[in-house]
Amino acid sequence: MKRDIINSWKQLSLQQFTDLMSIQAGEKDAEERSRKIIMCLYGVDPLEIPYTEFLAMVHGLNSFFDEPITSEKVSANAEYKINGTVYVLDIAPANFTTAQYIDFTNYSKRESYVDMLSVVLIPQGHQYNDGYDMAKVKDDLGAMPVTEAVGIVHFFATWSKASIKTILRFLTSRKMTKGMETEKRKALKGEVRHLSRIMASFPSSLRTASWRTRL
């Protein structure tokens, strides 16, 4: 059976990448780690295929594992069709809820990328977490190319950071009691720092330099 060689980040889904990070973090033995990576991406045990095919797989992966992921361009209200379902990136201020922001923040602290996307990509015709199967949504989003996922997370984090900075400026301009202003500003500044960490850490976690090894 001839298998297509993976030689680009665009060929990896978000779930595959998440699985790769888990393998990297959990498997200390270099040979076993390489074996698990091949099994994850190709669904075959490298011990059971011709050695020349295994070498081709390794060569393909090493050709881009040292490269950063180039994210796809994203715009508000962008639509993505996955497994027959249309998902809409709806972060318009009039529609985006406090629950969504809280969930996104909590998921981001755990670097749970599929969960993070499930907050901002909503099945067409629905509101967040209302009237649809969230488990199916997460399965679908796991199938999204990781290059698209990176762009969406960055787009939302950038939008959120800008929104919070606007609120901070508003609090500064208002005549509020000093204690109330200090408390709210401190909390919001903490959110800005957190979003900055998301924007900084997410792409770096997608660079295989952080894997510390090649196959």
N, C-alpha and C. Protein backbone atom coordinates (compact mmCIF):
# COMPACT_ATOMS: atom_id res chain seq x y z
N MET A 1 0.85 -1.20 0.00
CA MET A 1 0.00 0.00 0.00
C MET A 1 0.88 1.25 0.00
N LYS A 2 0.71 2.08 -1.00
CA LYS A 2 1.51 3.30 -1.12
C LYS A 2 0.89 4.39 -0.26
N ARG A 3 1.69 5.03 0.55
CA ARG A 3 1.21 6.10 1.43
C ARG A 3 1.79 7.42 0.98
N ASP A 4 0.96 8.46 1.02
CA ASP A 4 1.44 9.80 0.70
C ASP A 4 2.37 10.28 1.80
N ILE A 5 3.51 10.82 1.41
CA ILE A 5 4.49 11.29 2.38
C ILE A 5 4.08 12.67 2.92
N ILE A 6 4.10 12.81 4.22
CA ILE A 6 3.78 14.09 4.85
C ILE A 6 5.04 14.95 4.86
N ASN A 7 4.96 16.12 4.21
CA ASN A 7 6.13 17.00 4.15
C ASN A 7 5.76 18.47 4.34
N SER A 8 4.61 18.72 4.99
CA SER A 8 4.18 20.10 5.22
C SER A 8 3.26 20.15 6.43
N TRP A 9 3.35 21.25 7.18
CA TRP A 9 2.43 21.45 8.30
C TRP A 9 0.98 21.43 7.85
N LYS A 10 0.72 21.86 6.62
CA LYS A 10 -0.65 21.93 6.12
C LYS A 10 -1.30 20.55 6.06
N GLN A 11 -0.52 19.52 6.06
CA GLN A 11 -1.06 18.16 5.99
C GLN A 11 -1.42 17.61 7.36
N LEU A 12 -1.11 18.35 8.41
CA LEU A 12 -1.41 17.89 9.76
C LEU A 12 -2.66 18.57 10.30
N SER A 13 -3.49 17.80 10.97
CA SER A 13 -4.66 18.36 11.62
C SER A 13 -4.27 18.89 13.00
N LEU A 14 -5.16 19.67 13.57
CA LEU A 14 -4.90 20.19 14.91
C LEU A 14 -4.81 19.04 15.92
N GLN A 15 -5.66 18.03 15.77
CA GLN A 15 -5.62 16.91 16.70
C GLN A 15 -4.32 16.13 16.57
N GLN A 16 -3.86 15.96 15.35
CA GLN A 16 -2.58 15.27 15.17
C GLN A 16 -1.46 16.04 15.84
N PHE A 17 -1.47 17.35 15.69
CA PHE A 17 -0.42 18.14 16.31
C PHE A 17 -0.50 18.06 17.83
N THR A 18 -1.73 18.10 18.36
CA THR A 18 -1.92 17.97 19.81
C THR A 18 -1.37 16.63 20.29
N ASP A 19 -1.64 15.59 19.53
CA ASP A 19 -1.12 14.26 19.89
C ASP A 19 0.41 14.24 19.84
N LEU A 20 0.99 14.92 18.85
CA LEU A 20 2.45 14.98 18.75
C LEU A 20 3.07 15.67 19.96
N MET A 21 2.43 16.74 20.43
CA MET A 21 2.95 17.43 21.61
C MET A 21 2.90 16.52 22.82
N SER A 22 1.84 15.72 22.93
CA SER A 22 1.72 14.79 24.05
C SER A 22 2.81 13.73 23.99
N ILE A 23 3.09 13.24 22.79
CA ILE A 23 4.15 12.24 22.64
C ILE A 23 5.49 12.85 23.03
N GLN A 24 5.74 14.06 22.56
CA GLN A 24 7.00 14.71 22.85
C GLN A 24 7.19 14.92 24.34
N ALA A 25 6.11 15.31 25.01
CA ALA A 25 6.20 15.60 26.44
C ALA A 25 6.30 14.33 27.28
N GLY A 26 5.69 13.25 26.81
CA GLY A 26 5.58 12.07 27.64
C GLY A 26 6.57 10.95 27.36
N GLU A 27 7.16 10.94 26.16
CA GLU A 27 8.06 9.84 25.79
C GLU A 27 9.51 10.32 25.80
N LYS A 28 10.30 9.80 26.71
CA LYS A 28 11.69 10.25 26.86
C LYS A 28 12.66 9.48 25.96
N ASP A 29 12.32 8.24 25.61
CA ASP A 29 13.20 7.44 24.77
C ASP A 29 13.09 7.90 23.32
N ALA A 30 14.19 8.30 22.71
CA ALA A 30 14.17 8.88 21.37
C ALA A 30 13.63 7.91 20.32
N GLU A 31 14.05 6.65 20.37
CA GLU A 31 13.59 5.69 19.37
C GLU A 31 12.10 5.40 19.51
N GLU A 32 11.64 5.26 20.73
CA GLU A 32 10.22 5.00 20.95
C GLU A 32 9.38 6.22 20.59
N ARG A 33 9.93 7.40 20.83
CA ARG A 33 9.23 8.63 20.46
C ARG A 33 9.05 8.70 18.95
N SER A 34 10.10 8.41 18.20
CA SER A 34 10.01 8.42 16.74
C SER A 34 8.98 7.40 16.26
N ARG A 35 8.99 6.23 16.86
CA ARG A 35 8.04 5.18 16.49
C ARG A 35 6.60 5.65 16.71
N LYS A 36 6.36 6.27 17.86
CA LYS A 36 5.00 6.74 18.17
C LYS A 36 4.56 7.88 17.26
N ILE A 37 5.51 8.73 16.87
CA ILE A 37 5.17 9.83 15.95
C ILE A 37 4.73 9.27 14.59
N ILE A 38 5.46 8.29 14.08
CA ILE A 38 5.09 7.67 12.80
C ILE A 38 3.72 6.99 12.93
N MET A 39 3.48 6.31 14.03
CA MET A 39 2.20 5.64 14.24
C MET A 39 1.07 6.66 14.32
N CYS A 40 1.34 7.79 14.96
CA CYS A 40 0.33 8.85 15.10
C CYS A 40 -0.05 9.44 13.75
N LEU A 41 0.94 9.71 12.92
CA LEU A 41 0.69 10.41 11.66
C LEU A 41 0.29 9.49 10.52
N TYR A 42 0.79 8.27 10.53
CA TYR A 42 0.55 7.36 9.42
C TYR A 42 -0.35 6.17 9.78
N GLY A 43 -0.57 5.96 11.07
CA GLY A 43 -1.41 4.85 11.48
C GLY A 43 -0.80 3.50 11.20
N VAL A 44 0.53 3.42 11.18
CA VAL A 44 1.22 2.17 10.90
C VAL A 44 2.45 2.08 11.80
N ASP A 45 2.75 0.87 12.25
CA ASP A 45 3.93 0.66 13.07
C ASP A 45 5.15 0.59 12.15
N PRO A 46 6.12 1.48 12.34
CA PRO A 46 7.30 1.48 11.45
C PRO A 46 8.08 0.18 11.49
N LEU A 47 7.87 -0.62 12.54
CA LEU A 47 8.55 -1.91 12.61
C LEU A 47 7.96 -2.93 11.65
N GLU A 48 6.80 -2.57 11.06
CA GLU A 48 6.10 -3.52 10.19
C GLU A 48 6.07 -3.08 8.74
N ILE A 49 6.89 -2.09 8.37
CA ILE A 49 6.93 -1.62 6.99
C ILE A 49 8.37 -1.69 6.48
N PRO A 50 8.56 -1.66 5.16
CA PRO A 50 9.93 -1.69 4.62
C PRO A 50 10.76 -0.52 5.14
N TYR A 51 12.01 -0.77 5.38
CA TYR A 51 12.89 0.25 5.94
C TYR A 51 12.99 1.47 5.03
N THR A 52 12.97 1.25 3.72
CA THR A 52 13.06 2.37 2.78
C THR A 52 11.84 3.29 2.91
N GLU A 53 10.67 2.69 3.19
CA GLU A 53 9.46 3.50 3.37
C GLU A 53 9.55 4.31 4.66
N PHE A 54 10.08 3.68 5.69
CA PHE A 54 10.26 4.39 6.95
C PHE A 54 11.20 5.58 6.78
N LEU A 55 12.30 5.37 6.04
CA LEU A 55 13.24 6.46 5.80
C LEU A 55 12.59 7.60 5.04
N ALA A 56 11.72 7.27 4.09
CA ALA A 56 11.02 8.31 3.33
C ALA A 56 10.10 9.12 4.25
N MET A 57 9.44 8.44 5.18
CA MET A 57 8.57 9.12 6.14
C MET A 57 9.37 10.07 7.02
N VAL A 58 10.49 9.59 7.53
CA VAL A 58 11.34 10.40 8.39
C VAL A 58 11.88 11.60 7.64
N HIS A 59 12.33 11.38 6.41
CA HIS A 59 12.86 12.48 5.59
C HIS A 59 11.78 13.53 5.37
N GLY A 60 10.56 13.10 5.09
CA GLY A 60 9.47 14.04 4.86
C GLY A 60 9.18 14.89 6.08
N LEU A 61 9.13 14.26 7.25
CA LEU A 61 8.84 14.98 8.48
C LEU A 61 9.97 15.92 8.87
N ASN A 62 11.20 15.46 8.74
CA ASN A 62 12.34 16.30 9.09
C ASN A 62 12.49 17.50 8.15
N SER A 63 11.88 17.42 6.97
CA SER A 63 11.98 18.52 6.01
C SER A 63 11.22 19.76 6.47
N PHE A 64 10.27 19.60 7.40
CA PHE A 64 9.52 20.77 7.86
C PHE A 64 9.41 20.87 9.38
N PHE A 65 9.85 19.85 10.12
CA PHE A 65 9.73 19.89 11.57
C PHE A 65 10.52 21.04 12.20
N ASP A 66 11.53 21.54 11.54
CA ASP A 66 12.32 22.65 12.07
C ASP A 66 11.77 24.01 11.63
N GLU A 67 10.68 24.00 10.87
CA GLU A 67 10.11 25.24 10.36
C GLU A 67 8.93 25.68 11.19
N PRO A 68 8.75 27.00 11.39
CA PRO A 68 7.55 27.47 12.10
C PRO A 68 6.31 27.25 11.25
N ILE A 69 5.19 27.14 11.90
CA ILE A 69 3.93 27.01 11.16
C ILE A 69 3.49 28.38 10.68
N THR A 70 3.24 28.50 9.40
CA THR A 70 2.74 29.74 8.83
C THR A 70 1.21 29.70 8.88
N SER A 71 0.62 30.58 9.66
CA SER A 71 -0.82 30.54 9.85
C SER A 71 -1.55 31.11 8.64
N GLU A 72 -2.76 30.61 8.42
CA GLU A 72 -3.60 31.11 7.34
C GLU A 72 -4.21 32.45 7.76
N LYS A 73 -4.50 33.30 6.78
CA LYS A 73 -5.14 34.59 7.07
C LYS A 73 -6.58 34.36 7.53
N VAL A 74 -7.01 35.17 8.48
CA VAL A 74 -8.34 35.02 9.08
C VAL A 74 -9.05 36.35 9.08
N SER A 75 -10.37 36.32 8.90
CA SER A 75 -11.18 37.54 8.98
C SER A 75 -12.42 37.25 9.80
N ALA A 76 -13.00 38.31 10.38
CA ALA A 76 -14.22 38.15 11.15
C ALA A 76 -15.32 37.57 10.27
N ASN A 77 -16.13 36.70 10.87
CA ASN A 77 -17.24 36.04 10.16
C ASN A 77 -16.76 35.05 9.11
N ALA A 78 -15.50 34.66 9.18
CA ALA A 78 -15.00 33.64 8.26
C ALA A 78 -15.76 32.34 8.49
N GLU A 79 -15.94 31.57 7.43
CA GLU A 79 -16.66 30.29 7.52
C GLU A 79 -15.73 29.14 7.15
N TYR A 80 -15.90 28.02 7.87
CA TYR A 80 -15.10 26.83 7.64
C TYR A 80 -16.04 25.63 7.56
N LYS A 81 -15.97 24.88 6.50
CA LYS A 81 -16.81 23.70 6.35
C LYS A 81 -15.98 22.46 6.69
N ILE A 82 -16.41 21.76 7.74
CA ILE A 82 -15.68 20.58 8.22
C ILE A 82 -16.67 19.44 8.40
N ASN A 83 -16.40 18.33 7.73
CA ASN A 83 -17.27 17.15 7.84
C ASN A 83 -18.74 17.48 7.60
N GLY A 84 -18.98 18.37 6.64
CA GLY A 84 -20.35 18.70 6.26
C GLY A 84 -21.01 19.80 7.07
N THR A 85 -20.36 20.27 8.12
CA THR A 85 -20.92 21.33 8.97
C THR A 85 -20.18 22.63 8.73
N VAL A 86 -20.93 23.72 8.60
CA VAL A 86 -20.32 25.04 8.42
C VAL A 86 -20.16 25.70 9.79
N TYR A 87 -18.93 26.12 10.09
CA TYR A 87 -18.63 26.81 11.34
C TYR A 87 -18.31 28.27 11.04
N VAL A 88 -18.85 29.16 11.87
CA VAL A 88 -18.67 30.59 11.66
C VAL A 88 -17.83 31.18 12.78
N LEU A 89 -16.83 31.95 12.41
CA LEU A 89 -16.01 32.67 13.39
C LEU A 89 -16.75 33.96 13.74
N ASP A 90 -17.54 33.89 14.79
CA ASP A 90 -18.40 35.02 15.16
C ASP A 90 -17.93 35.62 16.47
N ILE A 91 -17.15 36.69 16.39
CA ILE A 91 -16.68 37.35 17.60
C ILE A 91 -17.13 38.81 17.62
N ALA A 92 -18.25 39.10 16.92
CA ALA A 92 -18.79 40.46 16.94
C ALA A 92 -19.16 40.81 18.38
N PRO A 93 -18.81 42.02 18.85
CA PRO A 93 -19.10 42.40 20.24
C PRO A 93 -20.55 42.20 20.64
N ALA A 94 -21.47 42.39 19.69
CA ALA A 94 -22.89 42.25 20.03
C ALA A 94 -23.29 40.81 20.29
N ASN A 95 -22.50 39.86 19.78
CA ASN A 95 -22.84 38.44 19.92
C ASN A 95 -21.98 37.70 20.91
N PHE A 96 -20.76 38.15 21.10
CA PHE A 96 -19.81 37.41 21.93
C PHE A 96 -20.18 37.56 23.40
N THR A 97 -20.28 36.45 24.10
CA THR A 97 -20.76 36.47 25.48
C THR A 97 -19.61 36.39 26.49
N THR A 98 -19.93 36.78 27.71
CA THR A 98 -18.96 36.67 28.80
C THR A 98 -18.57 35.21 29.02
N ALA A 99 -19.54 34.31 28.90
CA ALA A 99 -19.25 32.89 29.08
C ALA A 99 -18.22 32.40 28.08
N GLN A 100 -18.31 32.87 26.84
CA GLN A 100 -17.33 32.49 25.83
C GLN A 100 -15.94 32.97 26.20
N TYR A 101 -15.85 34.22 26.65
CA TYR A 101 -14.54 34.76 26.99
C TYR A 101 -13.93 34.00 28.17
N ILE A 102 -14.74 33.71 29.18
CA ILE A 102 -14.25 32.98 30.35
C ILE A 102 -13.78 31.58 29.94
N ASP A 103 -14.58 30.91 29.11
CA ASP A 103 -14.21 29.56 28.67
C ASP A 103 -12.92 29.59 27.87
N PHE A 104 -12.80 30.56 26.97
CA PHE A 104 -11.58 30.66 26.15
C PHE A 104 -10.36 30.86 27.05
N THR A 105 -10.48 31.74 28.03
CA THR A 105 -9.37 32.01 28.94
C THR A 105 -8.98 30.76 29.72
N ASN A 106 -9.96 30.05 30.23
CA ASN A 106 -9.68 28.84 31.01
C ASN A 106 -9.03 27.75 30.14
N TYR A 107 -9.55 27.57 28.93
CA TYR A 107 -8.97 26.57 28.03
C TYR A 107 -7.55 26.93 27.64
N SER A 108 -7.31 28.23 27.45
CA SER A 108 -5.98 28.66 27.01
C SER A 108 -4.94 28.41 28.09
N LYS A 109 -5.33 28.47 29.35
CA LYS A 109 -4.40 28.21 30.44
C LYS A 109 -3.93 26.76 30.42
N ARG A 110 -4.78 25.87 29.87
CA ARG A 110 -4.42 24.46 29.77
C ARG A 110 -3.85 24.11 28.40
N GLU A 111 -3.74 25.13 27.53
CA GLU A 111 -3.28 24.92 26.15
C GLU A 111 -4.12 23.85 25.47
N SER A 112 -5.44 23.92 25.72
CA SER A 112 -6.37 22.98 25.11
C SER A 112 -6.92 23.62 23.83
N TYR A 113 -6.20 23.42 22.73
CA TYR A 113 -6.46 24.19 21.52
C TYR A 113 -7.79 23.85 20.86
N VAL A 114 -8.18 22.58 20.85
CA VAL A 114 -9.47 22.22 20.27
C VAL A 114 -10.59 22.88 21.06
N ASP A 115 -10.48 22.87 22.39
CA ASP A 115 -11.49 23.52 23.23
C ASP A 115 -11.51 25.02 22.98
N MET A 116 -10.34 25.63 22.82
CA MET A 116 -10.28 27.06 22.55
C MET A 116 -11.03 27.40 21.26
N LEU A 117 -10.82 26.59 20.23
CA LEU A 117 -11.52 26.84 18.97
C LEU A 117 -13.01 26.65 19.09
N SER A 118 -13.44 25.71 19.94
CA SER A 118 -14.88 25.44 20.08
C SER A 118 -15.62 26.62 20.67
N VAL A 119 -14.89 27.56 21.27
CA VAL A 119 -15.51 28.75 21.85
C VAL A 119 -15.78 29.81 20.79
N VAL A 120 -14.94 29.87 19.77
CA VAL A 120 -15.06 30.96 18.79
C VAL A 120 -15.58 30.50 17.43
N LEU A 121 -15.61 29.19 17.18
CA LEU A 121 -16.17 28.66 15.94
C LEU A 121 -17.50 27.97 16.27
N ILE A 122 -18.58 28.56 15.82
CA ILE A 122 -19.92 28.11 16.18
C ILE A 122 -20.62 27.55 14.95
N PRO A 123 -21.33 26.41 15.09
CA PRO A 123 -22.08 25.88 13.95
C PRO A 123 -23.06 26.93 13.43
N GLN A 124 -23.10 27.08 12.14
CA GLN A 124 -23.96 28.10 11.51
C GLN A 124 -25.40 27.96 11.97
N GLY A 125 -26.01 29.08 12.35
CA GLY A 125 -27.40 29.07 12.79
C GLY A 125 -27.59 28.86 14.28
N HIS A 126 -26.50 28.74 15.01
CA HIS A 126 -26.59 28.50 16.45
C HIS A 126 -25.88 29.59 17.23
N GLN A 127 -26.18 29.62 18.53
CA GLN A 127 -25.43 30.44 19.47
C GLN A 127 -24.53 29.53 20.27
N TYR A 128 -23.58 30.11 20.96
CA TYR A 128 -22.58 29.32 21.66
C TYR A 128 -23.20 28.32 22.63
N ASN A 129 -22.80 27.04 22.47
CA ASN A 129 -23.17 25.96 23.37
C ASN A 129 -24.68 25.84 23.56
N ASP A 130 -25.41 26.05 22.47
CA ASP A 130 -26.86 26.00 22.56
C ASP A 130 -27.45 25.29 21.34
N GLY A 131 -28.00 24.10 21.56
CA GLY A 131 -28.72 23.41 20.51
C GLY A 131 -27.86 22.62 19.54
N TYR A 132 -26.65 22.27 19.93
CA TYR A 132 -25.80 21.44 19.07
C TYR A 132 -24.93 20.52 19.92
N ASP A 133 -24.36 19.53 19.27
CA ASP A 133 -23.56 18.52 19.95
C ASP A 133 -22.11 19.01 20.08
N MET A 134 -21.72 19.43 21.28
CA MET A 134 -20.39 19.99 21.48
C MET A 134 -19.30 18.95 21.23
N ALA A 135 -19.60 17.68 21.56
CA ALA A 135 -18.60 16.62 21.32
C ALA A 135 -18.30 16.49 19.83
N LYS A 136 -19.34 16.57 18.99
CA LYS A 136 -19.13 16.49 17.54
C LYS A 136 -18.35 17.71 17.05
N VAL A 137 -18.68 18.87 17.61
CA VAL A 137 -17.97 20.09 17.23
C VAL A 137 -16.47 19.93 17.49
N LYS A 138 -16.12 19.42 18.65
CA LYS A 138 -14.71 19.27 18.99
C LYS A 138 -14.02 18.23 18.12
N ASP A 139 -14.75 17.18 17.76
CA ASP A 139 -14.19 16.19 16.83
C ASP A 139 -13.91 16.83 15.48
N ASP A 140 -14.86 17.66 15.01
CA ASP A 140 -14.69 18.33 13.72
C ASP A 140 -13.50 19.29 13.76
N LEU A 141 -13.42 20.09 14.82
CA LEU A 141 -12.36 21.09 14.91
C LEU A 141 -10.99 20.44 15.04
N GLY A 142 -10.95 19.26 15.63
CA GLY A 142 -9.69 18.53 15.69
C GLY A 142 -9.18 18.15 14.32
N ALA A 143 -10.11 18.05 13.36
CA ALA A 143 -9.73 17.69 11.99
C ALA A 143 -9.27 18.90 11.17
N MET A 144 -9.40 20.09 11.72
CA MET A 144 -9.00 21.31 11.01
C MET A 144 -7.49 21.34 10.83
N PRO A 145 -7.00 21.78 9.66
CA PRO A 145 -5.55 21.91 9.48
C PRO A 145 -4.94 22.81 10.57
N VAL A 146 -3.83 22.41 11.12
CA VAL A 146 -3.23 23.17 12.21
C VAL A 146 -2.87 24.58 11.76
N THR A 147 -2.58 24.77 10.49
CA THR A 147 -2.24 26.11 9.98
C THR A 147 -3.43 27.06 10.10
N GLU A 148 -4.64 26.55 9.91
CA GLU A 148 -5.83 27.37 10.07
C GLU A 148 -6.10 27.64 11.55
N ALA A 149 -5.91 26.63 12.38
CA ALA A 149 -6.16 26.77 13.81
C ALA A 149 -5.28 27.85 14.42
N VAL A 150 -4.00 27.89 14.03
CA VAL A 150 -3.08 28.91 14.55
C VAL A 150 -3.60 30.30 14.22
N GLY A 151 -4.03 30.50 12.99
CA GLY A 151 -4.52 31.81 12.57
C GLY A 151 -5.74 32.26 13.36
N ILE A 152 -6.65 31.33 13.63
CA ILE A 152 -7.88 31.67 14.35
C ILE A 152 -7.57 32.06 15.79
N VAL A 153 -6.73 31.29 16.46
CA VAL A 153 -6.38 31.59 17.85
C VAL A 153 -5.71 32.95 17.95
N HIS A 154 -4.80 33.24 17.03
CA HIS A 154 -4.12 34.53 17.05
C HIS A 154 -5.08 35.67 16.74
N PHE A 155 -5.97 35.45 15.80
CA PHE A 155 -6.94 36.48 15.42
C PHE A 155 -7.78 36.84 16.63
N PHE A 156 -8.29 35.83 17.34
CA PHE A 156 -9.14 36.10 18.49
C PHE A 156 -8.36 36.73 19.63
N ALA A 157 -7.16 36.23 19.90
CA ALA A 157 -6.36 36.79 20.99
C ALA A 157 -6.02 38.25 20.73
N THR A 158 -5.71 38.58 19.48
CA THR A 158 -5.41 39.97 19.11
C THR A 158 -6.63 40.85 19.32
N TRP A 159 -7.79 40.36 18.87
CA TRP A 159 -9.04 41.11 19.02
C TRP A 159 -9.37 41.34 20.49
N SER A 160 -9.21 40.31 21.32
CA SER A 160 -9.51 40.43 22.75
C SER A 160 -8.58 41.40 23.43
N LYS A 161 -7.31 41.31 23.09
CA LYS A 161 -6.32 42.19 23.70
C LYS A 161 -6.64 43.66 23.38
N ALA A 162 -6.99 43.92 22.13
CA ALA A 162 -7.33 45.29 21.73
C ALA A 162 -8.57 45.78 22.47
N SER A 163 -9.56 44.90 22.63
CA SER A 163 -10.80 45.28 23.31
C SER A 163 -10.54 45.63 24.77
N ILE A 164 -9.72 44.82 25.45
CA ILE A 164 -9.43 45.08 26.85
C ILE A 164 -8.65 46.38 27.02
N LYS A 165 -7.74 46.64 26.10
CA LYS A 165 -6.98 47.90 26.18
C LYS A 165 -7.91 49.10 26.03
N THR A 166 -8.95 48.95 25.20
CA THR A 166 -9.94 50.03 25.04
C THR A 166 -10.67 50.27 26.36
N ILE A 167 -11.03 49.19 27.04
CA ILE A 167 -11.70 49.31 28.34
C ILE A 167 -10.78 49.98 29.36
N LEU A 168 -9.50 49.61 29.33
CA LEU A 168 -8.55 50.22 30.25
C LEU A 168 -8.47 51.74 30.04
N ARG A 169 -8.45 52.14 28.78
CA ARG A 169 -8.42 53.58 28.49
C ARG A 169 -9.69 54.26 28.98
N PHE A 170 -10.81 53.55 28.85
CA PHE A 170 -12.10 54.09 29.31
C PHE A 170 -12.08 54.28 30.83
N LEU A 171 -11.57 53.28 31.55
CA LEU A 171 -11.51 53.38 33.00
C LEU A 171 -10.59 54.53 33.43
N THR A 172 -9.54 54.73 32.69
CA THR A 172 -8.60 55.80 33.03
C THR A 172 -9.25 57.17 32.84
N SER A 173 -10.09 57.30 31.82
CA SER A 173 -10.70 58.59 31.51
C SER A 173 -11.89 58.92 32.41
N ARG A 174 -12.52 57.88 32.99
CA ARG A 174 -13.70 58.11 33.83
C ARG A 174 -13.30 58.62 35.20
N LYS A 175 -14.22 59.37 35.80
CA LYS A 175 -13.99 59.86 37.16
C LYS A 175 -14.55 58.82 38.13
N MET A 176 -13.72 57.82 38.44
CA MET A 176 -14.12 56.75 39.34
C MET A 176 -13.36 56.91 40.65
N THR A 177 -13.84 56.27 41.70
CA THR A 177 -13.08 56.29 42.94
C THR A 177 -11.76 55.59 42.71
N LYS A 178 -10.73 56.02 43.36
CA LYS A 178 -9.40 55.49 43.11
C LYS A 178 -9.33 54.00 43.39
N GLY A 179 -9.98 53.54 44.49
CA GLY A 179 -9.95 52.12 44.83
C GLY A 179 -10.59 51.26 43.77
N MET A 180 -11.76 51.67 43.28
CA MET A 180 -12.46 50.89 42.25
C MET A 180 -11.66 50.87 40.97
N GLU A 181 -11.09 52.01 40.59
CA GLU A 181 -10.32 52.07 39.36
C GLU A 181 -9.10 51.17 39.45
N THR A 182 -8.42 51.20 40.58
CA THR A 182 -7.22 50.39 40.74
C THR A 182 -7.54 48.91 40.66
N GLU A 183 -8.62 48.49 41.30
CA GLU A 183 -9.00 47.07 41.30
C GLU A 183 -9.34 46.58 39.90
N LYS A 184 -10.15 47.35 39.16
CA LYS A 184 -10.56 46.93 37.82
C LYS A 184 -9.38 46.96 36.86
N ARG A 185 -8.56 48.00 36.98
CA ARG A 185 -7.41 48.09 36.09
C ARG A 185 -6.45 46.94 36.32
N LYS A 186 -6.25 46.58 37.58
CA LYS A 186 -5.34 45.47 37.89
C LYS A 186 -5.82 44.18 37.27
N ALA A 187 -7.15 43.91 37.37
CA ALA A 187 -7.70 42.68 36.80
C ALA A 187 -7.59 42.68 35.29
N LEU A 188 -7.91 43.79 34.65
CA LEU A 188 -7.87 43.87 33.20
C LEU A 188 -6.44 43.81 32.68
N LYS A 189 -5.53 44.43 33.40
CA LYS A 189 -4.13 44.35 32.97
C LYS A 189 -3.64 42.91 33.05
N GLY A 190 -4.14 42.17 34.04
CA GLY A 190 -3.79 40.76 34.13
C GLY A 190 -4.28 40.00 32.91
N GLU A 191 -5.48 40.33 32.42
CA GLU A 191 -6.02 39.67 31.22
C GLU A 191 -5.19 40.01 29.99
N VAL A 192 -4.75 41.26 29.89
CA VAL A 192 -3.91 41.66 28.76
C VAL A 192 -2.60 40.87 28.77
N ARG A 193 -2.00 40.72 29.95
CA ARG A 193 -0.75 39.95 30.04
C ARG A 193 -0.98 38.49 29.66
N HIS A 194 -2.14 37.94 30.08
CA HIS A 194 -2.44 36.55 29.75
C HIS A 194 -2.61 36.38 28.25
N LEU A 195 -3.34 37.29 27.61
CA LEU A 195 -3.53 37.20 26.16
C LEU A 195 -2.20 37.38 25.43
N SER A 196 -1.34 38.21 25.97
CA SER A 196 -0.02 38.38 25.35
C SER A 196 0.76 37.07 25.42
N ARG A 197 0.62 36.36 26.54
CA ARG A 197 1.30 35.07 26.66
C ARG A 197 0.75 34.05 25.68
N ILE A 198 -0.58 34.07 25.47
CA ILE A 198 -1.18 33.17 24.48
C ILE A 198 -0.58 33.43 23.10
N MET A 199 -0.52 34.71 22.73
CA MET A 199 -0.03 35.08 21.40
C MET A 199 1.45 34.76 21.24
N ALA A 200 2.19 34.81 22.35
CA ALA A 200 3.63 34.53 22.27
C ALA A 200 3.93 33.04 22.34
N SER A 201 3.20 32.34 23.20
CA SER A 201 3.54 30.94 23.45
C SER A 201 2.96 29.99 22.42
N PHE A 202 1.77 30.31 21.87
CA PHE A 202 1.15 29.37 20.94
C PHE A 202 2.01 29.12 19.71
N PRO A 203 2.51 30.18 19.03
CA PRO A 203 3.35 29.87 17.88
C PRO A 203 4.65 29.19 18.26
N SER A 204 5.23 29.53 19.43
CA SER A 204 6.49 28.90 19.77
C SER A 204 6.28 27.43 20.09
N SER A 205 5.11 27.07 20.60
CA SER A 205 4.84 25.67 20.87
C SER A 205 4.65 24.90 19.59
N LEU A 206 4.44 25.61 18.51
CA LEU A 206 4.27 24.97 17.22
C LEU A 206 5.56 24.93 16.42
N ARG A 207 6.66 25.28 17.05
CA ARG A 207 7.96 25.17 16.39
C ARG A 207 8.64 23.92 16.92
N THR A 208 9.09 23.07 16.04
CA THR A 208 9.66 21.83 16.53
C THR A 208 11.04 22.01 17.11
N ALA A 209 11.56 23.24 17.10
CA ALA A 209 12.78 23.47 17.85
C ALA A 209 12.53 23.15 19.31
N SER A 210 11.26 23.35 19.75
CA SER A 210 10.94 23.06 21.14
C SER A 210 10.83 21.56 21.37
N TRP A 211 10.87 20.77 20.31
CA TRP A 211 10.83 19.32 20.47
C TRP A 211 12.18 18.78 20.91
N ARG A 212 13.21 19.57 20.74
CA ARG A 212 14.59 19.22 21.15
C ARG A 212 15.18 18.03 20.39
N THR A 213 14.51 17.55 19.42
CA THR A 213 15.06 16.40 18.69
C THR A 213 14.45 16.31 17.31
N ARG A 214 15.16 15.62 16.45
CA ARG A 214 14.63 15.28 15.13
C ARG A 214 14.37 13.80 15.13
N LEU A 215 13.59 13.35 14.16
CA LEU A 215 13.31 11.92 14.06
C LEU A 215 14.56 11.17 13.58
